[in-house]
Amino acid sequence: MAKQFTLGKKERLKSQKQTELLFRAGKKFSVHPFRIFYILHKTGTTGIRFGVGVSTKLFKRSVDRNRVKRLVREAWRLQKIALQDQLNKEGTGMDIFFIYTGKELPDYKDVYEKTAKVLIKLSQLSREAI
């Protein structure tokens, strides 16, 4: 059966409670131009919940902020399957939040490559946690 390249409602990090917990108790690392916050859930739900944010200080126009978020979500949607399969095999879940920290509007190719690096690092970190 073919893999679904979706980013549905259940895969988005929407709860303010969960987001605050992620920033307060989660771990973080940086891969320029992203700062990544993540937290592993050993019990309960499996799968990944994902969120993305862009600073208003860096991009004054909402059009620019929305474009960056759209690019990041698209790159994530197309590449998340390997990490998702690994977490499902391990029986764990993960909440992830990307913050774009670059000062210029990125092009899709750069966002795609950096997202791939982030996914590799997240995959290694989830293996080490178990």
N, C-alpha and C. Protein backbone atom coordinates (compact mmCIF):
# COMPACT_ATOMS: atom_id res chain seq x y z
N MET A 1 0.84 -1.18 0.00
CA MET A 1 0.00 0.00 0.00
C MET A 1 0.89 1.25 0.00
N ALA A 2 0.49 2.24 -0.75
CA ALA A 2 1.28 3.47 -0.88
C ALA A 2 1.19 4.30 0.41
N LYS A 3 2.27 5.01 0.70
CA LYS A 3 2.31 5.87 1.87
C LYS A 3 1.49 7.13 1.60
N GLN A 4 0.85 7.64 2.65
CA GLN A 4 0.08 8.86 2.54
C GLN A 4 0.95 10.04 2.95
N PHE A 5 1.11 10.99 2.06
CA PHE A 5 1.87 12.20 2.34
C PHE A 5 0.90 13.28 2.79
N THR A 6 0.41 13.17 4.01
CA THR A 6 -0.58 14.12 4.49
C THR A 6 -0.06 14.82 5.74
N LEU A 7 -0.72 15.87 6.10
CA LEU A 7 -0.47 16.56 7.36
C LEU A 7 -1.84 16.95 7.90
N GLY A 8 -2.52 15.95 8.44
CA GLY A 8 -3.90 16.14 8.86
C GLY A 8 -4.03 16.81 10.22
N LYS A 9 -5.26 16.92 10.64
CA LYS A 9 -5.59 17.60 11.89
C LYS A 9 -4.95 16.91 13.10
N LYS A 10 -4.92 15.59 13.10
CA LYS A 10 -4.36 14.85 14.24
C LYS A 10 -2.84 14.93 14.29
N GLU A 11 -2.23 15.33 13.20
CA GLU A 11 -0.77 15.42 13.13
C GLU A 11 -0.26 16.82 13.44
N ARG A 12 -1.14 17.76 13.70
CA ARG A 12 -0.73 19.13 13.99
C ARG A 12 -0.73 19.38 15.48
N LEU A 13 0.21 20.15 15.93
CA LEU A 13 0.34 20.51 17.33
C LEU A 13 -0.48 21.78 17.55
N LYS A 14 -1.69 21.63 18.08
CA LYS A 14 -2.60 22.76 18.19
C LYS A 14 -2.88 23.17 19.63
N SER A 15 -2.81 22.23 20.56
CA SER A 15 -3.16 22.51 21.94
C SER A 15 -2.15 23.46 22.59
N GLN A 16 -2.65 24.51 23.19
CA GLN A 16 -1.77 25.47 23.87
C GLN A 16 -1.07 24.81 25.05
N LYS A 17 -1.78 23.91 25.72
CA LYS A 17 -1.19 23.17 26.85
C LYS A 17 0.00 22.34 26.39
N GLN A 18 -0.19 21.60 25.30
CA GLN A 18 0.89 20.76 24.79
C GLN A 18 2.07 21.60 24.30
N THR A 19 1.78 22.73 23.68
CA THR A 19 2.85 23.60 23.18
C THR A 19 3.64 24.18 24.34
N GLU A 20 2.96 24.62 25.38
CA GLU A 20 3.66 25.16 26.55
C GLU A 20 4.51 24.09 27.22
N LEU A 21 3.98 22.87 27.33
CA LEU A 21 4.75 21.76 27.89
C LEU A 21 5.99 21.49 27.04
N LEU A 22 5.82 21.54 25.75
CA LEU A 22 6.94 21.30 24.83
C LEU A 22 8.05 22.33 25.04
N PHE A 23 7.70 23.61 25.15
CA PHE A 23 8.71 24.64 25.34
C PHE A 23 9.31 24.61 26.74
N ARG A 24 8.54 24.21 27.72
CA ARG A 24 9.01 24.20 29.11
C ARG A 24 9.84 22.96 29.41
N ALA A 25 9.33 21.78 29.05
CA ALA A 25 9.98 20.53 29.46
C ALA A 25 10.69 19.80 28.32
N GLY A 26 10.49 20.24 27.11
CA GLY A 26 11.09 19.55 25.98
C GLY A 26 12.57 19.87 25.81
N LYS A 27 13.19 19.16 24.91
CA LYS A 27 14.60 19.38 24.58
C LYS A 27 14.67 20.19 23.30
N LYS A 28 15.83 20.77 23.04
CA LYS A 28 15.97 21.59 21.83
C LYS A 28 17.36 21.44 21.24
N PHE A 29 17.42 21.70 19.95
CA PHE A 29 18.68 21.77 19.23
C PHE A 29 18.48 22.68 18.03
N SER A 30 19.58 23.06 17.40
CA SER A 30 19.51 23.96 16.26
C SER A 30 20.17 23.35 15.04
N VAL A 31 19.54 23.56 13.92
CA VAL A 31 20.11 23.29 12.60
C VAL A 31 19.77 24.53 11.80
N HIS A 32 20.78 25.35 11.53
CA HIS A 32 20.49 26.65 10.91
C HIS A 32 19.68 26.47 9.64
N PRO A 33 18.61 27.14 9.44
CA PRO A 33 18.00 28.28 10.11
C PRO A 33 16.85 27.90 11.05
N PHE A 34 16.89 26.72 11.63
CA PHE A 34 15.79 26.28 12.50
C PHE A 34 16.27 26.07 13.93
N ARG A 35 15.39 26.32 14.88
CA ARG A 35 15.55 25.87 16.25
C ARG A 35 14.41 24.87 16.44
N ILE A 36 14.76 23.67 16.89
CA ILE A 36 13.80 22.57 17.00
C ILE A 36 13.57 22.27 18.47
N PHE A 37 12.32 22.24 18.88
CA PHE A 37 11.91 21.79 20.20
C PHE A 37 11.20 20.45 20.02
N TYR A 38 11.52 19.47 20.87
CA TYR A 38 10.86 18.17 20.75
C TYR A 38 10.71 17.55 22.12
N ILE A 39 9.73 16.66 22.21
CA ILE A 39 9.53 15.89 23.43
C ILE A 39 9.01 14.51 23.02
N LEU A 40 9.57 13.47 23.64
CA LEU A 40 9.15 12.10 23.35
C LEU A 40 8.10 11.66 24.35
N HIS A 41 7.12 10.91 23.88
CA HIS A 41 6.10 10.32 24.73
C HIS A 41 6.29 8.80 24.71
N LYS A 42 6.73 8.25 25.81
CA LYS A 42 6.98 6.81 25.86
C LYS A 42 5.69 6.00 25.90
N THR A 43 4.67 6.54 26.58
CA THR A 43 3.40 5.82 26.68
C THR A 43 2.30 6.67 26.06
N GLY A 44 1.18 6.05 25.82
CA GLY A 44 0.04 6.79 25.28
C GLY A 44 0.05 6.79 23.77
N THR A 45 -0.09 7.96 23.19
CA THR A 45 -0.27 8.06 21.75
C THR A 45 1.03 7.81 21.00
N THR A 46 0.90 7.21 19.85
CA THR A 46 2.04 7.05 18.95
C THR A 46 1.87 8.06 17.82
N GLY A 47 2.92 8.28 17.11
CA GLY A 47 2.86 9.21 16.00
C GLY A 47 3.51 10.54 16.34
N ILE A 48 3.41 11.45 15.40
CA ILE A 48 4.08 12.73 15.51
C ILE A 48 3.06 13.84 15.44
N ARG A 49 3.23 14.84 16.31
CA ARG A 49 2.48 16.08 16.18
C ARG A 49 3.48 17.19 15.90
N PHE A 50 3.16 18.05 14.96
CA PHE A 50 4.11 18.99 14.39
C PHE A 50 3.55 20.41 14.40
N GLY A 51 4.42 21.37 14.68
CA GLY A 51 4.05 22.78 14.60
C GLY A 51 5.21 23.59 14.07
N VAL A 52 4.91 24.79 13.57
CA VAL A 52 5.95 25.65 13.02
C VAL A 52 5.62 27.10 13.35
N GLY A 53 6.66 27.89 13.60
CA GLY A 53 6.47 29.30 13.91
C GLY A 53 7.57 30.15 13.30
N VAL A 54 7.21 31.41 13.03
CA VAL A 54 8.16 32.37 12.46
C VAL A 54 8.00 33.67 13.23
N SER A 55 9.10 34.29 13.60
CA SER A 55 9.08 35.49 14.42
C SER A 55 8.55 36.71 13.67
N THR A 56 7.72 37.47 14.36
CA THR A 56 7.21 38.72 13.80
C THR A 56 8.32 39.76 13.76
N LYS A 57 9.29 39.67 14.64
CA LYS A 57 10.41 40.61 14.64
C LYS A 57 11.27 40.47 13.37
N LEU A 58 11.42 39.23 12.90
CA LEU A 58 12.25 39.00 11.72
C LEU A 58 11.50 39.30 10.43
N PHE A 59 10.21 38.96 10.39
CA PHE A 59 9.40 39.16 9.19
C PHE A 59 8.17 39.97 9.57
N LYS A 60 8.19 41.23 9.26
CA LYS A 60 7.09 42.13 9.65
C LYS A 60 5.80 41.81 8.90
N ARG A 61 5.92 41.43 7.65
CA ARG A 61 4.74 41.18 6.82
C ARG A 61 4.23 39.76 7.01
N SER A 62 2.96 39.62 7.26
CA SER A 62 2.37 38.30 7.48
C SER A 62 2.49 37.42 6.24
N VAL A 63 2.52 38.03 5.07
CA VAL A 63 2.68 37.28 3.83
C VAL A 63 3.99 36.50 3.85
N ASP A 64 5.04 37.14 4.32
CA ASP A 64 6.35 36.48 4.39
C ASP A 64 6.37 35.38 5.44
N ARG A 65 5.80 35.65 6.61
CA ARG A 65 5.74 34.63 7.67
C ARG A 65 4.95 33.41 7.20
N ASN A 66 3.83 33.65 6.56
CA ASN A 66 2.99 32.54 6.08
C ASN A 66 3.70 31.74 4.99
N ARG A 67 4.47 32.41 4.14
CA ARG A 67 5.20 31.70 3.10
C ARG A 67 6.24 30.76 3.70
N VAL A 68 6.98 31.24 4.69
CA VAL A 68 7.99 30.41 5.34
C VAL A 68 7.31 29.21 6.00
N LYS A 69 6.21 29.43 6.70
CA LYS A 69 5.51 28.33 7.36
C LYS A 69 4.99 27.32 6.33
N ARG A 70 4.50 27.81 5.21
CA ARG A 70 4.00 26.92 4.16
C ARG A 70 5.13 26.06 3.59
N LEU A 71 6.29 26.67 3.36
CA LEU A 71 7.44 25.92 2.84
C LEU A 71 7.89 24.84 3.83
N VAL A 72 7.95 25.19 5.11
CA VAL A 72 8.40 24.23 6.12
C VAL A 72 7.40 23.08 6.24
N ARG A 73 6.10 23.41 6.27
CA ARG A 73 5.09 22.35 6.37
C ARG A 73 5.14 21.40 5.19
N GLU A 74 5.35 21.93 4.00
CA GLU A 74 5.42 21.09 2.80
C GLU A 74 6.65 20.18 2.84
N ALA A 75 7.80 20.71 3.22
CA ALA A 75 9.01 19.90 3.31
C ALA A 75 8.84 18.82 4.37
N TRP A 76 8.23 19.16 5.48
CA TRP A 76 7.97 18.19 6.56
C TRP A 76 7.04 17.09 6.08
N ARG A 77 5.96 17.48 5.43
CA ARG A 77 4.93 16.55 4.98
C ARG A 77 5.51 15.48 4.06
N LEU A 78 6.43 15.86 3.20
CA LEU A 78 7.00 14.93 2.24
C LEU A 78 8.09 14.04 2.82
N GLN A 79 8.69 14.40 3.95
CA GLN A 79 9.84 13.65 4.46
C GLN A 79 9.63 12.96 5.79
N LYS A 80 8.52 13.15 6.43
CA LYS A 80 8.32 12.68 7.81
C LYS A 80 8.11 11.17 7.93
N ILE A 81 7.88 10.47 6.85
CA ILE A 81 7.43 9.08 6.90
C ILE A 81 8.45 8.15 7.57
N ALA A 82 9.74 8.33 7.30
CA ALA A 82 10.76 7.46 7.90
C ALA A 82 10.75 7.59 9.42
N LEU A 83 10.70 8.81 9.92
CA LEU A 83 10.66 9.04 11.37
C LEU A 83 9.36 8.51 11.96
N GLN A 84 8.28 8.71 11.25
CA GLN A 84 6.97 8.24 11.72
C GLN A 84 6.96 6.71 11.84
N ASP A 85 7.49 6.01 10.85
CA ASP A 85 7.56 4.55 10.90
C ASP A 85 8.43 4.07 12.05
N GLN A 86 9.56 4.73 12.25
CA GLN A 86 10.47 4.35 13.34
C GLN A 86 9.77 4.50 14.69
N LEU A 87 9.08 5.62 14.91
CA LEU A 87 8.40 5.85 16.18
C LEU A 87 7.26 4.86 16.39
N ASN A 88 6.56 4.51 15.33
CA ASN A 88 5.47 3.53 15.45
C ASN A 88 6.02 2.16 15.84
N LYS A 89 7.17 1.76 15.28
CA LYS A 89 7.79 0.48 15.64
C LYS A 89 8.21 0.48 17.11
N GLU A 90 8.71 1.62 17.57
CA GLU A 90 9.16 1.72 18.96
C GLU A 90 8.00 1.92 19.92
N GLY A 91 6.83 2.26 19.41
CA GLY A 91 5.67 2.48 20.27
C GLY A 91 5.71 3.78 21.03
N THR A 92 6.39 4.78 20.48
CA THR A 92 6.48 6.08 21.13
C THR A 92 5.86 7.15 20.24
N GLY A 93 5.64 8.31 20.83
CA GLY A 93 5.15 9.46 20.09
C GLY A 93 6.10 10.62 20.28
N MET A 94 5.94 11.65 19.46
CA MET A 94 6.83 12.80 19.56
C MET A 94 6.06 14.06 19.16
N ASP A 95 6.28 15.12 19.94
CA ASP A 95 5.79 16.45 19.58
C ASP A 95 7.00 17.25 19.13
N ILE A 96 6.87 17.94 18.00
CA ILE A 96 7.98 18.68 17.42
C ILE A 96 7.50 20.07 17.03
N PHE A 97 8.32 21.08 17.32
CA PHE A 97 8.00 22.44 16.92
C PHE A 97 9.22 23.06 16.28
N PHE A 98 9.07 23.54 15.04
CA PHE A 98 10.13 24.21 14.30
C PHE A 98 9.96 25.71 14.48
N ILE A 99 11.04 26.41 14.80
CA ILE A 99 11.02 27.87 14.79
C ILE A 99 12.05 28.31 13.75
N TYR A 100 11.59 29.08 12.78
CA TYR A 100 12.49 29.57 11.75
C TYR A 100 13.22 30.80 12.28
N THR A 101 14.57 30.75 12.31
CA THR A 101 15.36 31.83 12.88
C THR A 101 16.18 32.58 11.84
N GLY A 102 16.08 32.19 10.57
CA GLY A 102 16.82 32.89 9.52
C GLY A 102 16.29 34.30 9.31
N LYS A 103 17.13 35.14 8.72
CA LYS A 103 16.74 36.54 8.54
C LYS A 103 16.24 36.85 7.13
N GLU A 104 16.37 35.90 6.21
CA GLU A 104 15.93 36.12 4.84
C GLU A 104 14.92 35.06 4.43
N LEU A 105 14.11 35.40 3.45
CA LEU A 105 13.14 34.44 2.95
C LEU A 105 13.88 33.28 2.28
N PRO A 106 13.60 32.06 2.68
CA PRO A 106 14.30 30.92 2.10
C PRO A 106 13.64 30.47 0.79
N ASP A 107 14.37 29.70 0.01
CA ASP A 107 13.72 29.04 -1.11
C ASP A 107 13.45 27.59 -0.70
N TYR A 108 12.59 26.94 -1.45
CA TYR A 108 12.11 25.62 -1.05
C TYR A 108 13.24 24.60 -0.97
N LYS A 109 14.19 24.67 -1.88
CA LYS A 109 15.29 23.69 -1.90
C LYS A 109 16.07 23.70 -0.58
N ASP A 110 16.37 24.89 -0.06
CA ASP A 110 17.11 25.00 1.19
C ASP A 110 16.29 24.46 2.36
N VAL A 111 15.02 24.80 2.40
CA VAL A 111 14.15 24.33 3.48
C VAL A 111 14.05 22.81 3.44
N TYR A 112 13.94 22.24 2.26
CA TYR A 112 13.83 20.78 2.10
C TYR A 112 15.10 20.09 2.62
N GLU A 113 16.27 20.61 2.24
CA GLU A 113 17.53 20.02 2.67
C GLU A 113 17.72 20.11 4.18
N LYS A 114 17.42 21.27 4.76
CA LYS A 114 17.58 21.45 6.21
C LYS A 114 16.58 20.60 6.99
N THR A 115 15.39 20.45 6.46
CA THR A 115 14.39 19.59 7.11
C THR A 115 14.86 18.14 7.11
N ALA A 116 15.50 17.72 6.03
CA ALA A 116 16.05 16.36 5.97
C ALA A 116 17.10 16.16 7.06
N LYS A 117 17.96 17.16 7.27
CA LYS A 117 18.98 17.07 8.32
C LYS A 117 18.33 16.99 9.70
N VAL A 118 17.28 17.79 9.90
CA VAL A 118 16.56 17.77 11.18
C VAL A 118 15.95 16.40 11.42
N LEU A 119 15.36 15.80 10.41
CA LEU A 119 14.74 14.48 10.56
C LEU A 119 15.77 13.41 10.90
N ILE A 120 16.94 13.48 10.30
CA ILE A 120 18.01 12.53 10.62
C ILE A 120 18.42 12.68 12.09
N LYS A 121 18.57 13.90 12.53
CA LYS A 121 18.96 14.14 13.93
C LYS A 121 17.86 13.68 14.89
N LEU A 122 16.60 13.96 14.57
CA LEU A 122 15.49 13.52 15.42
C LEU A 122 15.43 12.00 15.49
N SER A 123 15.70 11.34 14.37
CA SER A 123 15.70 9.88 14.34
C SER A 123 16.80 9.32 15.25
N GLN A 124 17.98 9.91 15.21
CA GLN A 124 19.07 9.48 16.08
C GLN A 124 18.74 9.72 17.55
N LEU A 125 18.17 10.89 17.85
CA LEU A 125 17.83 11.23 19.23
C LEU A 125 16.75 10.31 19.79
N SER A 126 15.80 9.92 18.96
CA SER A 126 14.75 9.02 19.45
C SER A 126 15.29 7.62 19.71
N ARG A 127 16.27 7.18 18.90
CA ARG A 127 16.90 5.87 19.14
C ARG A 127 17.70 5.88 20.44
N GLU A 128 18.39 6.99 20.70
CA GLU A 128 19.21 7.09 21.90
C GLU A 128 18.34 7.13 23.16
N ALA A 129 17.16 7.69 23.05
CA ALA A 129 16.28 7.84 24.22
C ALA A 129 15.71 6.50 24.68
N ILE A 130 15.71 5.53 23.79
CA ILE A 130 15.14 4.22 24.14
C ILE A 130 16.16 3.29 24.68
